[in-house]
Amino acid sequence: MTHSLLYKVTDTQLTITIPPAFKNKQVRVTIDDKLVENDKIALMKLAVKDPLFLSDMKEVNDDFEGVEHETL
């Protein structure tokens, strides 16, 4: 059984109330600080205007230009 909730952390301690079905069972707690979808989209919108990102992308594209039409 899996139970997943997102909690906002305001300090360094977190108290979680789990569903009764987990009573007397072993559970795994994973702390994950991945960006939420809206944050990712906002960062991608910033990236398309970032000169360093754009130059990196051009460099990668140039590196693969010669092998683009080769067959494996």
Protein backbone atom coordinates (compact mmCIF):
# COMPACT_ATOMS: atom_id res chain seq x y z
CA MET A 1 0.00 0.00 0.00
CA THR A 2 1.26 3.50 -0.77
CA HIS A 3 0.26 6.75 0.88
CA SER A 4 1.71 9.97 -0.48
CA LEU A 5 1.20 13.55 0.67
CA LEU A 6 3.11 16.75 0.02
CA TYR A 7 4.06 18.75 3.10
CA LYS A 8 5.42 22.30 3.30
CA VAL A 9 8.48 22.36 5.52
CA THR A 10 8.92 25.43 7.72
CA ASP A 11 11.59 24.13 10.09
CA THR A 12 13.66 20.98 10.50
CA GLN A 13 11.01 18.71 12.06
CA LEU A 14 8.01 17.08 10.45
CA THR A 15 5.27 15.12 12.27
CA ILE A 16 3.13 12.88 10.07
CA THR A 17 -0.12 11.15 10.97
CA ILE A 18 -0.43 7.97 8.93
CA PRO A 19 -3.62 6.08 8.03
CA PRO A 20 -4.77 3.32 10.43
CA ALA A 21 -4.00 0.62 7.83
CA PHE A 22 -0.28 1.21 8.48
CA LYS A 23 -0.53 0.54 12.23
CA ASN A 24 2.05 -1.99 13.48
CA LYS A 25 3.71 -2.17 10.06
CA GLN A 26 7.08 -1.15 8.81
CA VAL A 27 7.05 1.96 6.57
CA ARG A 28 9.65 3.66 4.40
CA VAL A 29 10.02 7.42 4.63
CA THR A 30 11.62 9.21 1.69
CA ILE A 31 12.47 12.88 1.77
CA ASP A 32 12.29 14.33 -1.72
CA ASP A 33 12.91 17.97 -2.53
CA LYS A 34 12.26 17.79 -6.27
CA LEU A 35 10.79 20.83 -7.91
CA VAL A 36 7.08 20.77 -8.52
CA GLU A 37 5.84 21.00 -12.11
CA ASN A 38 5.08 24.73 -12.01
CA ASP A 39 8.57 25.51 -10.73
CA LYS A 40 10.11 23.46 -13.54
CA ILE A 41 8.09 25.28 -16.18
CA ALA A 42 9.07 28.67 -14.75
CA LEU A 43 12.75 27.68 -14.87
CA MET A 44 12.43 26.49 -18.47
CA LYS A 45 10.87 29.83 -19.44
CA LEU A 46 13.87 31.60 -17.92
CA ALA A 47 16.32 29.28 -19.68
CA VAL A 48 15.18 30.24 -23.19
CA LYS A 49 16.41 33.78 -22.47
CA ASP A 50 19.65 32.80 -20.69
CA PRO A 51 22.68 33.51 -22.92
CA LEU A 52 24.85 30.86 -21.23
CA PHE A 53 22.17 28.18 -21.63
CA LEU A 54 21.63 29.15 -25.27
CA SER A 55 25.35 29.02 -26.02
CA ASP A 56 25.60 25.59 -24.36
CA MET A 57 22.69 24.31 -26.44
CA LYS A 58 24.30 25.65 -29.64
CA GLU A 59 27.56 23.94 -28.74
CA VAL A 60 25.80 20.59 -28.20
CA ASN A 61 23.89 20.97 -31.47
CA ASP A 62 27.15 21.77 -33.31
CA ASP A 63 28.81 18.68 -31.80
CA PHE A 64 26.10 16.41 -33.20
CA GLU A 65 25.67 18.17 -36.55
CA GLY A 66 28.09 15.82 -38.33
CA VAL A 67 26.51 12.59 -37.10
CA GLU A 68 22.90 13.62 -37.43
CA HIS A 69 22.34 11.84 -40.75
CA GLU A 70 24.46 8.75 -40.13
CA THR A 71 22.86 5.34 -39.78
CA LEU A 72 23.68 2.89 -37.03
